[in-house]
């Protein structure tokens, strides 16, 4: 059984200790996503992307951000994010663009 609430507390504590640690924002965003808290997920993914645009998980965070916007019924914003992802990794974004945005 996943303890998402406990993980949220842990990642928040990590951010308090080091607010520049990108991984904590990506991880907390994922936890919010798993808890169906998509607005909070987007905030965390975007904060992590702002902190370190060259982070190894950059593309995955952009994808998760776009998927979060889909869950929020904001297809236009999701497509905007997927187009951004396409410029970085066409293969990862191609199907999403074809299915959702075209």
C-alpha atoms as a PDB file:
ATOM      1  CA  UNK A   1       0.000   0.000   0.000  1.00  0.00           C
ATOM      2  CA  UNK A   2       1.349   3.388  -0.981  1.00  0.00           C
ATOM      3  CA  UNK A   3       1.571   6.065   1.685  1.00  0.00           C
ATOM      4  CA  UNK A   4       1.132   9.092  -0.547  1.00  0.00           C
ATOM      5  CA  UNK A   5       0.301  11.400   2.357  1.00  0.00           C
ATOM      6  CA  UNK A   6       3.487  10.372   4.138  1.00  0.00           C
ATOM      7  CA  UNK A   7       5.497  10.848   0.957  1.00  0.00           C
ATOM      8  CA  UNK A   8       3.991  14.313   0.553  1.00  0.00           C
ATOM      9  CA  UNK A   9       5.117  15.221   4.077  1.00  0.00           C
ATOM     10  CA  UNK A  10       8.616  13.879   3.371  1.00  0.00           C
ATOM     11  CA  UNK A  11       9.068  15.738   0.073  1.00  0.00           C
ATOM     12  CA  UNK A  12       7.725  18.939   1.600  1.00  0.00           C
ATOM     13  CA  UNK A  13      10.255  18.579   4.428  1.00  0.00           C
ATOM     14  CA  UNK A  14      12.999  18.053   1.849  1.00  0.00           C
ATOM     15  CA  UNK A  15      11.966  21.273   0.092  1.00  0.00           C
ATOM     16  CA  UNK A  16      12.061  23.157   3.387  1.00  0.00           C
ATOM     17  CA  UNK A  17      15.616  21.912   3.908  1.00  0.00           C
ATOM     18  CA  UNK A  18      16.735  22.714   0.342  1.00  0.00           C
ATOM     19  CA  UNK A  19      14.322  24.737  -1.755  1.00  0.00           C
ATOM     20  CA  UNK A  20      16.623  24.489  -4.779  1.00  0.00           C
ATOM     21  CA  UNK A  21      16.589  20.676  -4.986  1.00  0.00           C
ATOM     22  CA  UNK A  22      14.689  20.028  -8.209  1.00  0.00           C
ATOM     23  CA  UNK A  23      14.086  16.338  -7.580  1.00  0.00           C
ATOM     24  CA  UNK A  24      11.955  17.098  -4.514  1.00  0.00           C
ATOM     25  CA  UNK A  25       9.582  19.228  -6.600  1.00  0.00           C
ATOM     26  CA  UNK A  26       9.291  16.581  -9.314  1.00  0.00           C
ATOM     27  CA  UNK A  27       8.697  13.893  -6.700  1.00  0.00           C
ATOM     28  CA  UNK A  28       6.149  15.975  -4.801  1.00  0.00           C
ATOM     29  CA  UNK A  29       4.424  16.729  -8.106  1.00  0.00           C
ATOM     30  CA  UNK A  30       4.173  13.003  -8.821  1.00  0.00           C
ATOM     31  CA  UNK A  31       2.689  12.392  -5.368  1.00  0.00           C
ATOM     32  CA  UNK A  32       0.094  15.111  -5.920  1.00  0.00           C
ATOM     33  CA  UNK A  33      -0.686  13.526  -9.300  1.00  0.00           C
ATOM     34  CA  UNK A  34      -1.188  10.114  -7.688  1.00  0.00           C
ATOM     35  CA  UNK A  35      -3.514  11.773  -5.144  1.00  0.00           C
ATOM     36  CA  UNK A  36      -5.557  13.383  -7.984  1.00  0.00           C
ATOM     37  CA  UNK A  37      -4.391  16.843  -6.899  1.00  0.00           C
ATOM     38  CA  UNK A  38      -3.528  17.979 -10.388  1.00  0.00           C
ATOM     39  CA  UNK A  39      -3.269  21.725  -9.766  1.00  0.00           C
ATOM     40  CA  UNK A  40      -0.671  21.087  -7.062  1.00  0.00           C
ATOM     41  CA  UNK A  41       1.065  18.599  -9.363  1.00  0.00           C
ATOM     42  CA  UNK A  42       1.378  21.238 -12.098  1.00  0.00           C
ATOM     43  CA  UNK A  43       2.731  23.799  -9.630  1.00  0.00           C
ATOM     44  CA  UNK A  44       5.443  21.404  -8.487  1.00  0.00           C
ATOM     45  CA  UNK A  45       6.404  20.171 -11.950  1.00  0.00           C
ATOM     46  CA  UNK A  46       6.647  23.751 -13.188  1.00  0.00           C
ATOM     47  CA  UNK A  47       8.696  24.837 -10.157  1.00  0.00           C
ATOM     48  CA  UNK A  48      11.137  21.987 -10.762  1.00  0.00           C
ATOM     49  CA  UNK A  49      11.373  22.869 -14.457  1.00  0.00           C
ATOM     50  CA  UNK A  50      12.035  26.504 -13.591  1.00  0.00           C
ATOM     51  CA  UNK A  51      14.804  25.522 -11.172  1.00  0.00           C
ATOM     52  CA  UNK A  52      16.667  23.239 -13.538  1.00  0.00           C
ATOM     53  CA  UNK A  53      15.608  23.186 -17.197  1.00  0.00           C
ATOM     54  CA  UNK A  54      18.451  20.744 -17.955  1.00  0.00           C
ATOM     55  CA  UNK A  55      17.476  18.189 -15.290  1.00  0.00           C
ATOM     56  CA  UNK A  56      17.576  14.567 -16.565  1.00  0.00           C
ATOM     57  CA  UNK A  57      13.855  14.182 -15.752  1.00  0.00           C
ATOM     58  CA  UNK A  58      12.966  17.366 -17.658  1.00  0.00           C
ATOM     59  CA  UNK A  59      11.010  15.658 -20.443  1.00  0.00           C
ATOM     60  CA  UNK A  60       9.131  13.387 -18.043  1.00  0.00           C
ATOM     61  CA  UNK A  61       8.152  16.397 -15.923  1.00  0.00           C
ATOM     62  CA  UNK A  62       6.851  18.215 -19.005  1.00  0.00           C
ATOM     63  CA  UNK A  63       4.856  15.121 -19.976  1.00  0.00           C
ATOM     64  CA  UNK A  64       3.415  14.815 -16.459  1.00  0.00           C
ATOM     65  CA  UNK A  65       2.534  18.499 -16.471  1.00  0.00           C
ATOM     66  CA  UNK A  66       0.635  18.088 -19.749  1.00  0.00           C
ATOM     67  CA  UNK A  67      -1.169  15.004 -18.474  1.00  0.00           C
ATOM     68  CA  UNK A  68      -2.140  16.943 -15.351  1.00  0.00           C
ATOM     69  CA  UNK A  69      -3.715  19.647 -17.511  1.00  0.00           C
ATOM     70  CA  UNK A  70      -5.698  16.927 -19.290  1.00  0.00           C
ATOM     71  CA  UNK A  71      -6.990  15.726 -15.933  1.00  0.00           C
ATOM     72  CA  UNK A  72      -7.995  19.324 -15.202  1.00  0.00           C
ATOM     73  CA  UNK A  73      -9.957  19.355 -18.498  1.00  0.00           C
ATOM     74  CA  UNK A  74      -7.676  22.026 -19.941  1.00  0.00           C
ATOM     75  CA  UNK A  75      -6.947  20.461 -23.311  1.00  0.00           C
ATOM     76  CA  UNK A  76      -5.620  23.707 -24.788  1.00  0.00           C
ATOM     77  CA  UNK A  77      -2.963  24.064 -22.089  1.00  0.00           C
ATOM     78  CA  UNK A  78      -2.150  20.345 -22.309  1.00  0.00           C
ATOM     79  CA  UNK A  79      -1.611  20.656 -26.073  1.00  0.00           C
ATOM     80  CA  UNK A  80       0.580  23.701 -25.567  1.00  0.00           C
ATOM     81  CA  UNK A  81       2.718  21.623 -23.170  1.00  0.00           C
ATOM     82  CA  UNK A  82       2.776  18.632 -25.560  1.00  0.00           C
ATOM     83  CA  UNK A  83       3.962  20.891 -28.396  1.00  0.00           C
ATOM     84  CA  UNK A  84       6.767  22.089 -26.112  1.00  0.00           C
ATOM     85  CA  UNK A  85       7.614  18.447 -25.411  1.00  0.00           C
ATOM     86  CA  UNK A  86       7.555  17.662 -29.137  1.00  0.00           C
ATOM     87  CA  UNK A  87      10.311  20.212 -29.735  1.00  0.00           C
ATOM     88  CA  UNK A  88      12.455  18.304 -27.215  1.00  0.00           C
ATOM     89  CA  UNK A  89      11.442  14.728 -27.929  1.00  0.00           C
ATOM     90  CA  UNK A  90       9.226  14.206 -30.958  1.00  0.00           C
ATOM     91  CA  UNK A  91       8.878  10.482 -30.354  1.00  0.00           C
ATOM     92  CA  UNK A  92       7.545  10.950 -26.818  1.00  0.00           C
ATOM     93  CA  UNK A  93       4.969  13.562 -27.835  1.00  0.00           C
ATOM     94  CA  UNK A  94       3.908  12.430 -31.313  1.00  0.00           C
ATOM     95  CA  UNK A  95       1.069  10.097 -30.281  1.00  0.00           C
ATOM     96  CA  UNK A  96      -0.297  12.529 -27.698  1.00  0.00           C
ATOM     97  CA  UNK A  97      -0.432  15.300 -30.254  1.00  0.00           C
ATOM     98  CA  UNK A  98      -2.119  13.058 -32.811  1.00  0.00           C
ATOM     99  CA  UNK A  99      -4.713  11.700 -30.371  1.00  0.00           C
ATOM    100  CA  UNK A 100      -5.502  14.795 -28.342  1.00  0.00           C
ATOM    101  CA  UNK A 101      -4.407  17.926 -30.131  1.00  0.00           C
ATOM    102  CA  UNK A 102      -4.968  17.368 -33.823  1.00  0.00           C
END
